[in-house]
């Protein structure tokens, strides 16, 4: 069923003899992409290369693939832009920080999955975020990604014209992940909207950047309005992630842990060990989800 394959919304690609995935150091002319990636069913993406390497090691152990503690080579070692790791049907890819970085990665990832003839693929972003009205360490499964005005849309200027795209995420997948968290029963998990901003400081209403021309009360009023609109966390990648996955016909989800409650402060002050444990929570949830999908729970 072609419905289960990756859609490429670009007729120009059919005319190209070779497609070079420059930022991955891969290409259709240099690599046998179906042989390398054709069995991929789950793609997990996250900001940092080290976190995605940790995740692939974790999922390999969880699925019993490879010997304990074995090394997993970086498939994108030919570039320093992104890192990519694979074990069995799971691909783990870093995307950097912010909309531009994840957008570039996603364009090439979607093409990679298409060229590899992958089908029935689920893509999940696992990451960290600032929470609103939640205790630190809570996990948020995104219902919709909204912009800084709380609208569920991704806005981009293309050829001088503003294009607006939907940022809805797969509702059934979100419910499935929520059920997995209930079965794990180790940490607080909610389904809520995620605000995606263009900036970590002013764009998220922080008071501790190099520039801040608003008051603390104005900041708190804005965050309360965000909470009242259904926003439960803030990060910088989910809107374009949702938009590109929607256009490509891929079921997608965003699972982020909150490192702090923004209604109580702006700086992340928890200890390294506490933050490390928080960051493992989305990995545990998504790892359990993958095991369950594969019948290993």
C-alpha atoms as a PDB file:
ATOM      1  CA  UNK A   1       0.000   0.000   0.000  1.00  0.00           C
ATOM      2  CA  UNK A   2       1.596   3.240  -1.152  1.00  0.00           C
ATOM      3  CA  UNK A   3      -0.142   5.030   1.718  1.00  0.00           C
ATOM      4  CA  UNK A   4       2.419   3.467   4.054  1.00  0.00           C
ATOM      5  CA  UNK A   5       5.446   4.793   2.175  1.00  0.00           C
ATOM      6  CA  UNK A   6       7.147   8.157   2.584  1.00  0.00           C
ATOM      7  CA  UNK A   7       5.706  10.897   0.349  1.00  0.00           C
ATOM      8  CA  UNK A   8       8.081  13.336  -1.320  1.00  0.00           C
ATOM      9  CA  UNK A   9       6.316  16.620  -2.075  1.00  0.00           C
ATOM     10  CA  UNK A  10       8.890  17.532  -4.725  1.00  0.00           C
ATOM     11  CA  UNK A  11       8.467  16.531  -8.415  1.00  0.00           C
ATOM     12  CA  UNK A  12      11.932  17.876  -9.258  1.00  0.00           C
ATOM     13  CA  UNK A  13      13.649  14.994  -7.448  1.00  0.00           C
ATOM     14  CA  UNK A  14      12.440  12.514 -10.061  1.00  0.00           C
ATOM     15  CA  UNK A  15      14.559  14.292 -12.690  1.00  0.00           C
ATOM     16  CA  UNK A  16      17.805  13.982 -10.708  1.00  0.00           C
ATOM     17  CA  UNK A  17      20.218  11.180 -11.571  1.00  0.00           C
ATOM     18  CA  UNK A  18      21.712  11.307  -8.083  1.00  0.00           C
ATOM     19  CA  UNK A  19      20.542  12.777  -4.787  1.00  0.00           C
ATOM     20  CA  UNK A  20      23.348  13.904  -2.496  1.00  0.00           C
ATOM     21  CA  UNK A  21      22.305  14.121   1.155  1.00  0.00           C
ATOM     22  CA  UNK A  22      25.074  16.590   1.845  1.00  0.00           C
ATOM     23  CA  UNK A  23      24.643  17.132   5.583  1.00  0.00           C
ATOM     24  CA  UNK A  24      24.532  13.364   6.198  1.00  0.00           C
ATOM     25  CA  UNK A  25      27.517  12.575   3.955  1.00  0.00           C
ATOM     26  CA  UNK A  26      25.281  10.032   2.187  1.00  0.00           C
ATOM     27  CA  UNK A  27      23.839   9.801  -1.303  1.00  0.00           C
ATOM     28  CA  UNK A  28      21.985   7.609  -3.780  1.00  0.00           C
ATOM     29  CA  UNK A  29      25.056   7.394  -5.998  1.00  0.00           C
ATOM     30  CA  UNK A  30      27.491   6.438  -3.253  1.00  0.00           C
ATOM     31  CA  UNK A  31      25.422   4.282  -0.889  1.00  0.00           C
ATOM     32  CA  UNK A  32      22.931   1.429  -1.199  1.00  0.00           C
ATOM     33  CA  UNK A  33      20.267   3.152   0.876  1.00  0.00           C
ATOM     34  CA  UNK A  34      17.653   0.339   0.696  1.00  0.00           C
ATOM     35  CA  UNK A  35      20.244  -2.159   1.950  1.00  0.00           C
ATOM     36  CA  UNK A  36      21.415   0.159   4.723  1.00  0.00           C
ATOM     37  CA  UNK A  37      18.079   1.566   5.895  1.00  0.00           C
ATOM     38  CA  UNK A  38      15.230  -0.376   4.261  1.00  0.00           C
ATOM     39  CA  UNK A  39      14.221  -2.114   7.501  1.00  0.00           C
ATOM     40  CA  UNK A  40      13.834   1.095   9.533  1.00  0.00           C
ATOM     41  CA  UNK A  41      10.440   1.386  11.265  1.00  0.00           C
ATOM     42  CA  UNK A  42      11.240   3.806  14.091  1.00  0.00           C
ATOM     43  CA  UNK A  43      13.231   7.039  13.839  1.00  0.00           C
ATOM     44  CA  UNK A  44      14.076   8.905  17.035  1.00  0.00           C
ATOM     45  CA  UNK A  45      15.532  12.395  16.724  1.00  0.00           C
ATOM     46  CA  UNK A  46      16.962  14.680  19.394  1.00  0.00           C
ATOM     47  CA  UNK A  47      19.148  17.728  19.738  1.00  0.00           C
ATOM     48  CA  UNK A  48      22.533  16.449  20.818  1.00  0.00           C
ATOM     49  CA  UNK A  49      24.731  13.794  19.176  1.00  0.00           C
ATOM     50  CA  UNK A  50      25.776  12.368  22.548  1.00  0.00           C
ATOM     51  CA  UNK A  51      22.146  11.983  23.655  1.00  0.00           C
ATOM     52  CA  UNK A  52      21.237  10.136  20.466  1.00  0.00           C
ATOM     53  CA  UNK A  53      24.250   7.856  20.861  1.00  0.00           C
ATOM     54  CA  UNK A  54      23.143   7.132  24.432  1.00  0.00           C
ATOM     55  CA  UNK A  55      19.648   6.373  23.138  1.00  0.00           C
ATOM     56  CA  UNK A  56      20.802   3.873  20.499  1.00  0.00           C
ATOM     57  CA  UNK A  57      22.923   2.086  23.109  1.00  0.00           C
ATOM     58  CA  UNK A  58      19.918   1.989  25.434  1.00  0.00           C
ATOM     59  CA  UNK A  59      17.517   0.695  22.792  1.00  0.00           C
ATOM     60  CA  UNK A  60      20.019  -1.921  21.595  1.00  0.00           C
ATOM     61  CA  UNK A  61      20.215  -3.297  25.134  1.00  0.00           C
ATOM     62  CA  UNK A  62      16.426  -3.127  25.550  1.00  0.00           C
ATOM     63  CA  UNK A  63      15.829  -5.027  22.298  1.00  0.00           C
ATOM     64  CA  UNK A  64      18.662  -7.477  22.912  1.00  0.00           C
ATOM     65  CA  UNK A  65      20.461  -6.513  19.711  1.00  0.00           C
ATOM     66  CA  UNK A  66      24.236  -6.778  19.865  1.00  0.00           C
ATOM     67  CA  UNK A  67      26.432  -7.515  22.850  1.00  0.00           C
ATOM     68  CA  UNK A  68      26.100  -5.468  26.032  1.00  0.00           C
ATOM     69  CA  UNK A  69      28.092  -2.241  25.798  1.00  0.00           C
ATOM     70  CA  UNK A  70      29.010  -2.735  22.147  1.00  0.00           C
ATOM     71  CA  UNK A  71      29.922   0.336  20.100  1.00  0.00           C
ATOM     72  CA  UNK A  72      27.535   1.720  17.479  1.00  0.00           C
ATOM     73  CA  UNK A  73      29.338   3.645  14.720  1.00  0.00           C
ATOM     74  CA  UNK A  74      28.220   7.101  13.611  1.00  0.00           C
ATOM     75  CA  UNK A  75      26.846   6.601  10.088  1.00  0.00           C
ATOM     76  CA  UNK A  76      27.361  10.317   9.390  1.00  0.00           C
ATOM     77  CA  UNK A  77      31.007  10.332  10.470  1.00  0.00           C
ATOM     78  CA  UNK A  78      31.884  12.027   7.166  1.00  0.00           C
ATOM     79  CA  UNK A  79      30.305  15.254   8.399  1.00  0.00           C
ATOM     80  CA  UNK A  80      30.213  17.146  11.692  1.00  0.00           C
ATOM     81  CA  UNK A  81      26.699  18.520  11.163  1.00  0.00           C
ATOM     82  CA  UNK A  82      24.627  15.590  12.425  1.00  0.00           C
ATOM     83  CA  UNK A  83      25.164  12.176  13.977  1.00  0.00           C
ATOM     84  CA  UNK A  84      23.233   9.033  13.020  1.00  0.00           C
ATOM     85  CA  UNK A  85      23.134   5.591  14.627  1.00  0.00           C
ATOM     86  CA  UNK A  86      21.199   2.455  13.749  1.00  0.00           C
ATOM     87  CA  UNK A  87      20.363  -0.807  15.450  1.00  0.00           C
ATOM     88  CA  UNK A  88      17.803  -3.198  13.967  1.00  0.00           C
ATOM     89  CA  UNK A  89      14.683  -1.254  12.901  1.00  0.00           C
ATOM     90  CA  UNK A  90      15.604   1.836  14.949  1.00  0.00           C
ATOM     91  CA  UNK A  91      17.400   4.904  13.606  1.00  0.00           C
ATOM     92  CA  UNK A  92      18.672   7.567  16.015  1.00  0.00           C
ATOM     93  CA  UNK A  93      19.583  10.985  14.578  1.00  0.00           C
ATOM     94  CA  UNK A  94      20.696  14.281  16.111  1.00  0.00           C
ATOM     95  CA  UNK A  95      19.117  17.478  14.816  1.00  0.00           C
ATOM     96  CA  UNK A  96      20.935  20.328  16.538  1.00  0.00           C
ATOM     97  CA  UNK A  97      19.197  23.289  18.148  1.00  0.00           C
ATOM     98  CA  UNK A  98      16.359  25.340  16.693  1.00  0.00           C
ATOM     99  CA  UNK A  99      14.027  25.296  13.690  1.00  0.00           C
ATOM    100  CA  UNK A 100      16.662  25.892  10.956  1.00  0.00           C
ATOM    101  CA  UNK A 101      18.872  23.027  12.128  1.00  0.00           C
ATOM    102  CA  UNK A 102      16.116  20.420  12.492  1.00  0.00           C
ATOM    103  CA  UNK A 103      14.523  21.561   9.217  1.00  0.00           C
ATOM    104  CA  UNK A 104      17.681  20.820   7.217  1.00  0.00           C
ATOM    105  CA  UNK A 105      18.027  17.440   8.917  1.00  0.00           C
ATOM    106  CA  UNK A 106      14.391  16.506   8.289  1.00  0.00           C
ATOM    107  CA  UNK A 107      14.518  17.317   4.564  1.00  0.00           C
ATOM    108  CA  UNK A 108      17.411  14.897   4.155  1.00  0.00           C
ATOM    109  CA  UNK A 109      15.970  12.320   6.571  1.00  0.00           C
ATOM    110  CA  UNK A 110      12.653  12.187   4.685  1.00  0.00           C
ATOM    111  CA  UNK A 111      14.511  11.770   1.398  1.00  0.00           C
ATOM    112  CA  UNK A 112      16.702   9.078   2.948  1.00  0.00           C
ATOM    113  CA  UNK A 113      13.667   7.091   4.116  1.00  0.00           C
ATOM    114  CA  UNK A 114      12.040   7.472   0.690  1.00  0.00           C
ATOM    115  CA  UNK A 115      15.142   6.388  -1.232  1.00  0.00           C
ATOM    116  CA  UNK A 116      15.514   3.432   1.162  1.00  0.00           C
ATOM    117  CA  UNK A 117      11.909   2.400   0.361  1.00  0.00           C
ATOM    118  CA  UNK A 118      10.939   2.422   4.038  1.00  0.00           C
ATOM    119  CA  UNK A 119       7.298   1.884   4.971  1.00  0.00           C
ATOM    120  CA  UNK A 120       5.163   2.248   8.098  1.00  0.00           C
ATOM    121  CA  UNK A 121       7.722   4.553   9.714  1.00  0.00           C
ATOM    122  CA  UNK A 122       7.087   6.358  13.011  1.00  0.00           C
ATOM    123  CA  UNK A 123       9.233   9.386  13.833  1.00  0.00           C
ATOM    124  CA  UNK A 124       9.501  10.655  17.408  1.00  0.00           C
ATOM    125  CA  UNK A 125      11.378  13.680  18.684  1.00  0.00           C
ATOM    126  CA  UNK A 126      12.728  13.117  22.187  1.00  0.00           C
ATOM    127  CA  UNK A 127      14.118  16.104  24.011  1.00  0.00           C
ATOM    128  CA  UNK A 128      14.127  18.601  26.835  1.00  0.00           C
ATOM    129  CA  UNK A 129      11.957  21.640  27.395  1.00  0.00           C
ATOM    130  CA  UNK A 130      10.821  24.268  29.838  1.00  0.00           C
ATOM    131  CA  UNK A 131       7.567  23.386  31.557  1.00  0.00           C
ATOM    132  CA  UNK A 132       4.638  25.652  32.386  1.00  0.00           C
ATOM    133  CA  UNK A 133       2.721  24.728  35.527  1.00  0.00           C
ATOM    134  CA  UNK A 134       4.373  21.304  35.770  1.00  0.00           C
ATOM    135  CA  UNK A 135       6.876  19.957  38.254  1.00  0.00           C
ATOM    136  CA  UNK A 136      10.395  19.542  36.793  1.00  0.00           C
ATOM    137  CA  UNK A 137      10.885  16.061  35.415  1.00  0.00           C
ATOM    138  CA  UNK A 138       7.359  15.831  33.999  1.00  0.00           C
ATOM    139  CA  UNK A 139       7.099  14.428  30.482  1.00  0.00           C
ATOM    140  CA  UNK A 140       4.922  16.182  27.886  1.00  0.00           C
ATOM    141  CA  UNK A 141       3.530  14.343  24.859  1.00  0.00           C
ATOM    142  CA  UNK A 142       2.631  17.042  22.352  1.00  0.00           C
ATOM    143  CA  UNK A 143      -0.955  17.323  21.116  1.00  0.00           C
ATOM    144  CA  UNK A 144      -0.242  20.313  18.875  1.00  0.00           C
ATOM    145  CA  UNK A 145       2.790  22.480  18.348  1.00  0.00           C
ATOM    146  CA  UNK A 146       1.827  26.145  18.586  1.00  0.00           C
ATOM    147  CA  UNK A 147       3.751  29.295  17.765  1.00  0.00           C
ATOM    148  CA  UNK A 148       4.556  32.142  20.166  1.00  0.00           C
ATOM    149  CA  UNK A 149       1.037  33.537  19.651  1.00  0.00           C
ATOM    150  CA  UNK A 150      -0.452  30.114  20.568  1.00  0.00           C
ATOM    151  CA  UNK A 151      -1.609  29.339  17.007  1.00  0.00           C
ATOM    152  CA  UNK A 152      -1.177  25.714  15.779  1.00  0.00           C
ATOM    153  CA  UNK A 153       0.831  26.625  12.697  1.00  0.00           C
ATOM    154  CA  UNK A 154       4.298  26.856  11.230  1.00  0.00           C
ATOM    155  CA  UNK A 155       4.946  30.003   9.222  1.00  0.00           C
ATOM    156  CA  UNK A 156       7.729  30.200   6.653  1.00  0.00           C
ATOM    157  CA  UNK A 157       8.617  32.671   3.901  1.00  0.00           C
ATOM    158  CA  UNK A 158       9.123  30.833   0.579  1.00  0.00           C
ATOM    159  CA  UNK A 159       9.951  32.779  -2.588  1.00  0.00           C
ATOM    160  CA  UNK A 160       9.000  35.959  -0.772  1.00  0.00           C
ATOM    161  CA  UNK A 161       5.554  34.690   0.208  1.00  0.00           C
ATOM    162  CA  UNK A 162       4.370  33.600   3.651  1.00  0.00           C
ATOM    163  CA  UNK A 163       3.344  29.942   3.726  1.00  0.00           C
ATOM    164  CA  UNK A 164       1.427  28.563   6.720  1.00  0.00           C
ATOM    165  CA  UNK A 165       1.403  24.835   7.478  1.00  0.00           C
ATOM    166  CA  UNK A 166      -0.435  22.695   9.999  1.00  0.00           C
ATOM    167  CA  UNK A 167       1.391  21.496  13.113  1.00  0.00           C
ATOM    168  CA  UNK A 168      -1.032  18.820  14.293  1.00  0.00           C
ATOM    169  CA  UNK A 169       0.530  15.584  15.459  1.00  0.00           C
ATOM    170  CA  UNK A 170      -0.906  12.064  15.295  1.00  0.00           C
ATOM    171  CA  UNK A 171      -3.586  11.851  18.002  1.00  0.00           C
ATOM    172  CA  UNK A 172      -3.658   8.058  18.174  1.00  0.00           C
ATOM    173  CA  UNK A 173       0.124   7.870  18.514  1.00  0.00           C
ATOM    174  CA  UNK A 174       0.016  10.384  21.374  1.00  0.00           C
ATOM    175  CA  UNK A 175      -2.612   8.269  23.158  1.00  0.00           C
ATOM    176  CA  UNK A 176      -0.537   5.139  22.602  1.00  0.00           C
ATOM    177  CA  UNK A 177       2.513   6.811  24.141  1.00  0.00           C
ATOM    178  CA  UNK A 178       0.395   8.010  27.074  1.00  0.00           C
ATOM    179  CA  UNK A 179      -0.779   4.465  27.697  1.00  0.00           C
ATOM    180  CA  UNK A 180       2.839   3.284  27.664  1.00  0.00           C
ATOM    181  CA  UNK A 181       3.705   5.861  30.329  1.00  0.00           C
ATOM    182  CA  UNK A 182       0.840   4.627  32.502  1.00  0.00           C
ATOM    183  CA  UNK A 183       2.182   1.089  32.181  1.00  0.00           C
ATOM    184  CA  UNK A 184       5.708   2.205  33.111  1.00  0.00           C
ATOM    185  CA  UNK A 185       4.300   4.288  36.005  1.00  0.00           C
ATOM    186  CA  UNK A 186       7.632   5.922  36.899  1.00  0.00           C
ATOM    187  CA  UNK A 187       7.071   9.653  36.205  1.00  0.00           C
ATOM    188  CA  UNK A 188       4.334  12.209  35.627  1.00  0.00           C
ATOM    189  CA  UNK A 189       3.267  12.387  31.964  1.00  0.00           C
ATOM    190  CA  UNK A 190       0.681  14.664  30.337  1.00  0.00           C
ATOM    191  CA  UNK A 191      -0.623  15.338  26.833  1.00  0.00           C
ATOM    192  CA  UNK A 192      -0.611  19.062  26.067  1.00  0.00           C
ATOM    193  CA  UNK A 193       0.316  21.712  23.556  1.00  0.00           C
ATOM    194  CA  UNK A 194       3.962  22.594  23.039  1.00  0.00           C
ATOM    195  CA  UNK A 195       5.003  26.151  22.217  1.00  0.00           C
ATOM    196  CA  UNK A 196       7.790  26.306  19.653  1.00  0.00           C
ATOM    197  CA  UNK A 197       9.822  29.526  19.665  1.00  0.00           C
ATOM    198  CA  UNK A 198      12.606  31.006  17.539  1.00  0.00           C
ATOM    199  CA  UNK A 199      14.797  31.789  20.532  1.00  0.00           C
ATOM    200  CA  UNK A 200      15.742  30.511  23.992  1.00  0.00           C
ATOM    201  CA  UNK A 201      15.763  33.893  25.755  1.00  0.00           C
ATOM    202  CA  UNK A 202      13.450  36.747  24.674  1.00  0.00           C
ATOM    203  CA  UNK A 203      11.343  34.423  22.509  1.00  0.00           C
ATOM    204  CA  UNK A 204      10.537  32.368  25.605  1.00  0.00           C
ATOM    205  CA  UNK A 205      10.070  35.366  27.895  1.00  0.00           C
ATOM    206  CA  UNK A 206      13.186  34.823  29.976  1.00  0.00           C
ATOM    207  CA  UNK A 207      14.517  37.560  32.241  1.00  0.00           C
ATOM    208  CA  UNK A 208      18.144  36.389  32.185  1.00  0.00           C
ATOM    209  CA  UNK A 209      19.299  37.027  28.606  1.00  0.00           C
ATOM    210  CA  UNK A 210      21.722  39.727  27.466  1.00  0.00           C
ATOM    211  CA  UNK A 211      18.684  41.760  26.357  1.00  0.00           C
ATOM    212  CA  UNK A 212      15.346  42.005  28.207  1.00  0.00           C
ATOM    213  CA  UNK A 213      13.023  44.994  27.752  1.00  0.00           C
ATOM    214  CA  UNK A 214       9.929  43.702  29.575  1.00  0.00           C
ATOM    215  CA  UNK A 215       8.983  43.306  33.239  1.00  0.00           C
ATOM    216  CA  UNK A 216       8.683  40.166  35.325  1.00  0.00           C
ATOM    217  CA  UNK A 217       4.935  40.728  35.611  1.00  0.00           C
ATOM    218  CA  UNK A 218       4.627  40.968  31.807  1.00  0.00           C
ATOM    219  CA  UNK A 219       6.559  37.725  31.503  1.00  0.00           C
ATOM    220  CA  UNK A 220       4.349  35.909  34.021  1.00  0.00           C
ATOM    221  CA  UNK A 221       1.168  37.223  32.399  1.00  0.00           C
ATOM    222  CA  UNK A 222       2.343  35.856  29.033  1.00  0.00           C
ATOM    223  CA  UNK A 223       3.205  32.436  30.474  1.00  0.00           C
ATOM    224  CA  UNK A 224      -0.154  32.262  32.279  1.00  0.00           C
ATOM    225  CA  UNK A 225      -1.892  33.040  28.971  1.00  0.00           C
ATOM    226  CA  UNK A 226       0.114  30.251  27.368  1.00  0.00           C
ATOM    227  CA  UNK A 227      -0.939  27.835  30.109  1.00  0.00           C
ATOM    228  CA  UNK A 228      -4.603  28.862  29.797  1.00  0.00           C
ATOM    229  CA  UNK A 229      -4.416  28.174  26.034  1.00  0.00           C
ATOM    230  CA  UNK A 230      -3.262  24.589  26.721  1.00  0.00           C
ATOM    231  CA  UNK A 231       0.522  25.011  26.477  1.00  0.00           C
ATOM    232  CA  UNK A 232       2.430  22.813  28.915  1.00  0.00           C
ATOM    233  CA  UNK A 233       5.997  23.187  27.663  1.00  0.00           C
ATOM    234  CA  UNK A 234       8.270  25.310  25.459  1.00  0.00           C
ATOM    235  CA  UNK A 235      11.020  24.225  23.057  1.00  0.00           C
ATOM    236  CA  UNK A 236      12.436  25.240  19.660  1.00  0.00           C
ATOM    237  CA  UNK A 237      11.876  22.473  17.101  1.00  0.00           C
ATOM    238  CA  UNK A 238       8.381  20.964  17.254  1.00  0.00           C
ATOM    239  CA  UNK A 239       6.537  23.206  14.766  1.00  0.00           C
ATOM    240  CA  UNK A 240       8.639  22.491  11.696  1.00  0.00           C
ATOM    241  CA  UNK A 241       8.970  18.857  12.814  1.00  0.00           C
ATOM    242  CA  UNK A 242       5.186  18.463  12.810  1.00  0.00           C
ATOM    243  CA  UNK A 243       4.761  20.388   9.546  1.00  0.00           C
ATOM    244  CA  UNK A 244       7.314  18.352   7.575  1.00  0.00           C
ATOM    245  CA  UNK A 245       6.102  15.017   8.941  1.00  0.00           C
ATOM    246  CA  UNK A 246       2.505  15.942   8.042  1.00  0.00           C
ATOM    247  CA  UNK A 247       3.442  16.789   4.448  1.00  0.00           C
ATOM    248  CA  UNK A 248       5.451  13.563   4.140  1.00  0.00           C
ATOM    249  CA  UNK A 249       2.670  11.313   5.405  1.00  0.00           C
ATOM    250  CA  UNK A 250       4.651  10.146   8.425  1.00  0.00           C
ATOM    251  CA  UNK A 251       3.114   9.458  11.836  1.00  0.00           C
ATOM    252  CA  UNK A 252       5.016  11.580  14.314  1.00  0.00           C
ATOM    253  CA  UNK A 253       5.136  12.493  17.987  1.00  0.00           C
ATOM    254  CA  UNK A 254       7.085  14.825  20.270  1.00  0.00           C
ATOM    255  CA  UNK A 255       8.046  13.602  23.757  1.00  0.00           C
ATOM    256  CA  UNK A 256       9.952  16.089  25.912  1.00  0.00           C
ATOM    257  CA  UNK A 257      10.837  16.202  29.584  1.00  0.00           C
ATOM    258  CA  UNK A 258      10.543  19.503  31.457  1.00  0.00           C
ATOM    259  CA  UNK A 259      13.723  20.668  33.200  1.00  0.00           C
ATOM    260  CA  UNK A 260      12.037  23.452  35.183  1.00  0.00           C
ATOM    261  CA  UNK A 261       8.713  25.183  35.788  1.00  0.00           C
ATOM    262  CA  UNK A 262       8.981  28.536  34.004  1.00  0.00           C
ATOM    263  CA  UNK A 263       6.384  30.070  36.313  1.00  0.00           C
ATOM    264  CA  UNK A 264       8.951  29.716  39.104  1.00  0.00           C
ATOM    265  CA  UNK A 265      12.129  30.829  37.316  1.00  0.00           C
ATOM    266  CA  UNK A 266      14.231  30.932  34.174  1.00  0.00           C
ATOM    267  CA  UNK A 267      17.545  29.259  34.943  1.00  0.00           C
ATOM    268  CA  UNK A 268      18.073  25.508  35.012  1.00  0.00           C
ATOM    269  CA  UNK A 269      19.570  24.955  38.466  1.00  0.00           C
ATOM    270  CA  UNK A 270      19.083  21.241  39.119  1.00  0.00           C
ATOM    271  CA  UNK A 271      22.213  19.153  39.619  1.00  0.00           C
ATOM    272  CA  UNK A 272      23.875  17.335  36.727  1.00  0.00           C
ATOM    273  CA  UNK A 273      22.766  13.953  38.060  1.00  0.00           C
ATOM    274  CA  UNK A 274      19.144  15.064  38.404  1.00  0.00           C
ATOM    275  CA  UNK A 275      19.108  16.525  34.879  1.00  0.00           C
ATOM    276  CA  UNK A 276      20.655  13.339  33.521  1.00  0.00           C
ATOM    277  CA  UNK A 277      17.897  11.265  35.094  1.00  0.00           C
ATOM    278  CA  UNK A 278      15.250  13.636  33.708  1.00  0.00           C
ATOM    279  CA  UNK A 279      16.704  13.330  30.200  1.00  0.00           C
ATOM    280  CA  UNK A 280      16.424   9.547  30.392  1.00  0.00           C
ATOM    281  CA  UNK A 281      12.654   9.690  30.904  1.00  0.00           C
ATOM    282  CA  UNK A 282      11.652  10.335  27.245  1.00  0.00           C
ATOM    283  CA  UNK A 283      14.125   7.616  26.236  1.00  0.00           C
ATOM    284  CA  UNK A 284      12.513   5.152  28.661  1.00  0.00           C
ATOM    285  CA  UNK A 285       9.029   5.990  27.424  1.00  0.00           C
ATOM    286  CA  UNK A 286       9.906   5.745  23.728  1.00  0.00           C
ATOM    287  CA  UNK A 287      12.012   2.635  24.338  1.00  0.00           C
ATOM    288  CA  UNK A 288       9.047   0.951  26.018  1.00  0.00           C
ATOM    289  CA  UNK A 289       6.777   2.036  23.151  1.00  0.00           C
ATOM    290  CA  UNK A 290       9.136   0.487  20.571  1.00  0.00           C
ATOM    291  CA  UNK A 291       9.418  -2.756  22.578  1.00  0.00           C
ATOM    292  CA  UNK A 292       5.643  -2.933  22.853  1.00  0.00           C
ATOM    293  CA  UNK A 293       5.198  -2.332  19.116  1.00  0.00           C
ATOM    294  CA  UNK A 294       7.695  -5.125  18.432  1.00  0.00           C
ATOM    295  CA  UNK A 295       5.974  -7.510  20.856  1.00  0.00           C
ATOM    296  CA  UNK A 296       8.857  -7.536  23.323  1.00  0.00           C
ATOM    297  CA  UNK A 297       6.902  -6.342  26.392  1.00  0.00           C
END
